Amino acid sequence: MKKLLFVLFALPFIAFTQADVKIDKKYYQVNYSQKLKQPLSVDYGIRTRECNATRSGMDFFAEKGVITSSNTDYANNEWDKGHMAPAADFNCNKEMLYKTFTYLNSALQHQSLNRGIWKHLEMHERELAKKEKVEVIIDIEFDKEPKKVPGGASIPKGFYKHIRYKTGKVCYYFPNEAPKKSTYRDYQIQCDK
């Protein structure tokens, strides 16, 4: 009987703690999977600004009340703490920049992808934003049974990036691996919408 009461009491709590959450971080929005301990999607806008707040001394932090990845998930492996909403897009002041350092905004992203063509595409987005407003949606893809790092976070299969601006839209898909192609342009796909 005690076991049955525990199960009946624990099941709703377990289901609640594993729920996906949508969080507005003021400068970007996140749809986050507590079960996967990874973002499912991140939306943000870029506008031209001359900003230069420094990230010196900043490190990723966990959000109260949300089950996220942690430093353990990124230790001693090939996965970077890939900012989905790029820190460089929000460096106008310390408060804006700090909001990008939450684990809600961090995906297990292959280090070669994050530090290479992904970074170059983010720079291209900022160049586009010098001419017009740019909106970005990143959808993170997972296998049905995703591999996990020892800390328990699920490893994304890939990243869809949809970039919208006044004169057009362009979309990309990046497998979560060391890039096999030379530039981000090689990963362009047809936009579905």
Protein backbone atom coordinates (compact mmCIF):
# COMPACT_ATOMS: atom_id res chain seq x y z
CA MET A 1 0.00 0.00 0.00
CA LYS A 2 2.85 2.40 0.86
CA LYS A 3 4.45 1.72 -2.53
CA LEU A 4 1.18 2.45 -4.31
CA LEU A 5 0.74 5.73 -2.44
CA PHE A 6 4.33 6.73 -3.26
CA VAL A 7 3.81 5.96 -6.97
CA LEU A 8 0.53 7.86 -7.06
CA PHE A 9 2.15 10.84 -5.32
CA ALA A 10 5.44 10.75 -7.29
CA LEU A 11 4.06 10.30 -10.82
CA PRO A 12 2.48 13.77 -11.14
CA PHE A 13 5.63 15.35 -9.70
CA ILE A 14 7.91 13.44 -12.09
CA ALA A 15 5.69 14.35 -15.04
CA PHE A 16 5.70 18.00 -13.98
CA THR A 17 9.48 18.19 -13.62
CA GLN A 18 9.98 16.65 -17.05
CA ALA A 19 7.66 19.07 -18.86
CA ASP A 20 8.83 21.28 -21.71
CA VAL A 21 8.90 24.92 -20.69
CA LYS A 22 8.66 28.10 -22.74
CA ILE A 23 10.62 30.97 -21.27
CA ASP A 24 10.91 34.57 -22.41
CA LYS A 25 14.40 35.84 -21.57
CA LYS A 26 13.44 39.36 -22.72
CA TYR A 27 15.91 39.38 -25.64
CA TYR A 28 15.13 35.89 -26.92
CA GLN A 29 12.62 33.09 -26.33
CA VAL A 30 13.38 29.45 -25.51
CA ASN A 31 11.35 26.27 -25.73
CA TYR A 32 13.26 23.94 -23.40
CA SER A 33 13.01 20.20 -22.76
CA GLN A 34 13.70 19.32 -19.14
CA LYS A 35 13.65 15.64 -20.13
CA LEU A 36 16.41 16.12 -22.74
CA LYS A 37 18.12 18.88 -20.72
CA GLN A 38 18.47 20.82 -23.96
CA PRO A 39 16.67 23.60 -25.83
CA LEU A 40 14.16 22.54 -28.49
CA SER A 41 14.00 25.95 -30.16
CA VAL A 42 15.35 29.46 -29.67
CA ASP A 43 14.02 32.63 -31.36
CA TYR A 44 15.80 35.97 -31.39
CA GLY A 45 16.05 39.19 -33.33
CA ILE A 46 19.16 41.11 -34.34
CA ARG A 47 19.35 44.85 -34.82
CA THR A 48 22.43 46.85 -35.62
CA ARG A 49 24.08 48.25 -32.54
CA GLU A 50 27.57 49.37 -31.68
CA CYS A 51 28.16 47.40 -28.51
CA ASN A 52 31.17 46.01 -26.75
CA ALA A 53 30.28 44.70 -23.28
CA THR A 54 32.80 42.04 -22.32
CA ARG A 55 32.01 38.46 -21.35
CA SER A 56 35.05 38.38 -19.09
CA GLY A 57 34.25 36.51 -15.89
CA MET A 58 30.88 35.20 -17.14
CA ASP A 59 30.05 31.52 -17.03
CA PHE A 60 26.90 29.55 -17.70
CA PHE A 61 24.34 29.31 -14.91
CA ALA A 62 21.33 27.14 -14.13
CA GLU A 63 17.84 28.61 -13.88
CA LYS A 64 15.93 28.10 -10.64
CA GLY A 65 13.03 25.71 -11.03
CA VAL A 66 14.14 24.27 -14.41
CA ILE A 67 16.03 21.01 -14.94
CA THR A 68 18.89 21.89 -17.30
CA SER A 69 22.27 20.62 -18.37
CA SER A 70 25.28 21.63 -16.28
CA ASN A 71 29.06 21.92 -16.49
CA THR A 72 29.30 18.15 -16.00
CA ASP A 73 27.60 17.56 -19.36
CA TYR A 74 30.26 19.55 -21.23
CA ALA A 75 33.36 18.29 -19.39
CA ASN A 76 36.08 16.31 -21.16
CA ASN A 77 34.25 15.72 -24.43
CA GLU A 78 33.84 17.15 -27.93
CA TRP A 79 30.71 19.16 -27.07
CA ASP A 80 30.82 22.93 -26.61
CA LYS A 81 28.30 24.99 -24.66
CA GLY A 82 26.90 26.30 -27.93
CA HIS A 83 25.06 29.58 -27.44
CA MET A 84 21.89 29.37 -29.49
CA ALA A 85 21.14 33.11 -29.11
CA PRO A 86 24.71 34.34 -29.68
CA ALA A 87 26.39 36.31 -26.91
CA ALA A 88 27.90 38.65 -29.54
CA ASP A 89 24.37 39.73 -30.58
CA PHE A 90 23.53 40.84 -27.05
CA ASN A 91 26.70 42.53 -25.81
CA CYS A 92 25.26 46.04 -25.46
CA ASN A 93 25.44 45.82 -21.69
CA LYS A 94 26.31 43.29 -18.99
CA GLU A 95 22.66 42.48 -18.24
CA MET A 96 21.85 41.61 -21.87
CA LEU A 97 25.03 39.60 -22.26
CA TYR A 98 24.55 37.74 -18.97
CA LYS A 99 21.07 36.57 -20.06
CA THR A 100 22.70 34.57 -22.88
CA PHE A 101 24.81 32.57 -20.41
CA THR A 102 21.95 30.47 -19.06
CA TYR A 103 21.97 26.73 -19.72
CA LEU A 104 18.54 27.31 -21.27
CA ASN A 105 20.44 28.90 -24.17
CA SER A 106 23.16 26.26 -24.34
CA ALA A 107 23.14 23.20 -26.58
CA LEU A 108 25.62 20.34 -26.74
CA GLN A 109 27.15 21.44 -30.05
CA HIS A 110 30.14 19.80 -31.70
CA GLN A 111 33.13 22.01 -31.01
CA SER A 112 34.22 22.14 -34.67
CA LEU A 113 30.75 23.22 -35.77
CA ASN A 114 30.35 25.81 -32.99
CA ARG A 115 33.79 27.38 -33.48
CA GLY A 116 33.72 27.22 -37.27
CA ILE A 117 30.93 27.59 -39.79
CA TRP A 118 28.23 28.19 -37.13
CA LYS A 119 30.23 31.14 -35.82
CA HIS A 120 30.72 32.44 -39.38
CA LEU A 121 26.97 32.27 -40.02
CA GLU A 122 26.34 34.28 -36.84
CA MET A 123 28.78 36.91 -38.12
CA HIS A 124 26.89 36.95 -41.45
CA GLU A 125 23.59 37.50 -39.57
CA ARG A 126 25.10 40.57 -37.88
CA GLU A 127 26.20 41.91 -41.27
CA LEU A 128 22.65 41.49 -42.60
CA ALA A 129 21.37 43.33 -39.51
CA LYS A 130 23.36 46.42 -40.50
CA LYS A 131 20.88 46.86 -43.37
CA GLU A 132 17.63 45.58 -41.86
CA LYS A 133 16.00 43.80 -38.95
CA VAL A 134 16.86 40.10 -38.84
CA GLU A 135 14.81 37.39 -37.10
CA VAL A 136 16.32 33.98 -36.37
CA ILE A 137 14.65 30.73 -35.33
CA ILE A 138 16.76 27.74 -34.39
CA ASP A 139 15.07 24.34 -34.15
CA ILE A 140 17.15 21.65 -32.47
CA GLU A 141 16.62 18.10 -33.75
CA PHE A 142 17.01 14.93 -31.66
CA ASP A 143 16.97 11.24 -32.48
CA LYS A 144 13.96 9.31 -31.15
CA GLU A 145 16.31 7.72 -28.59
CA PRO A 146 19.10 10.33 -28.35
CA LYS A 147 22.57 9.52 -27.12
CA LYS A 148 23.42 11.14 -23.81
CA VAL A 149 26.58 12.44 -22.24
CA PRO A 150 27.55 10.91 -18.85
CA GLY A 151 25.93 13.88 -17.05
CA GLY A 152 22.55 12.89 -18.56
CA ALA A 153 21.94 15.62 -21.19
CA SER A 154 20.82 14.45 -24.64
CA ILE A 155 23.05 15.13 -27.64
CA PRO A 156 21.24 16.94 -30.49
CA LYS A 157 21.25 15.30 -33.92
CA GLY A 158 21.34 18.63 -35.75
CA PHE A 159 20.31 22.26 -35.95
CA TYR A 160 17.88 24.00 -38.32
CA LYS A 161 18.43 27.73 -38.61
CA HIS A 162 15.78 29.94 -40.27
CA ILE A 163 16.86 33.53 -40.93
CA ARG A 164 14.17 36.03 -41.94
CA TYR A 165 14.69 39.60 -43.05
CA LYS A 166 12.68 42.15 -45.01
CA THR A 167 13.97 41.13 -48.44
CA GLY A 168 13.97 37.37 -47.94
CA LYS A 169 14.46 34.23 -45.95
CA VAL A 170 17.21 31.64 -45.93
CA CYS A 171 17.37 28.30 -44.11
CA TYR A 172 20.17 25.92 -43.15
CA TYR A 173 20.57 22.49 -41.62
CA PHE A 174 23.73 21.52 -39.75
CA PRO A 175 24.34 17.95 -38.57
CA ASN A 176 25.84 18.03 -35.08
CA GLU A 177 29.29 16.85 -36.11
CA ALA A 178 32.59 18.16 -37.38
CA PRO A 179 31.64 19.95 -40.64
CA LYS A 180 32.39 18.03 -43.83
CA LYS A 181 31.74 21.07 -46.05
CA SER A 182 33.68 24.32 -46.34
CA THR A 183 31.21 27.13 -45.56
CA TYR A 184 27.82 27.67 -43.99
CA ARG A 185 26.44 28.30 -47.50
CA ASP A 186 27.05 24.62 -48.27
CA TYR A 187 24.42 23.76 -45.63
CA GLN A 188 21.62 25.85 -47.12
CA ILE A 189 18.31 24.04 -47.56
CA GLN A 190 14.94 24.97 -49.01
CA CYS A 191 12.79 26.82 -46.50
CA ASP A 192 9.62 24.90 -45.71
CA LYS A 193 7.45 27.97 -44.96
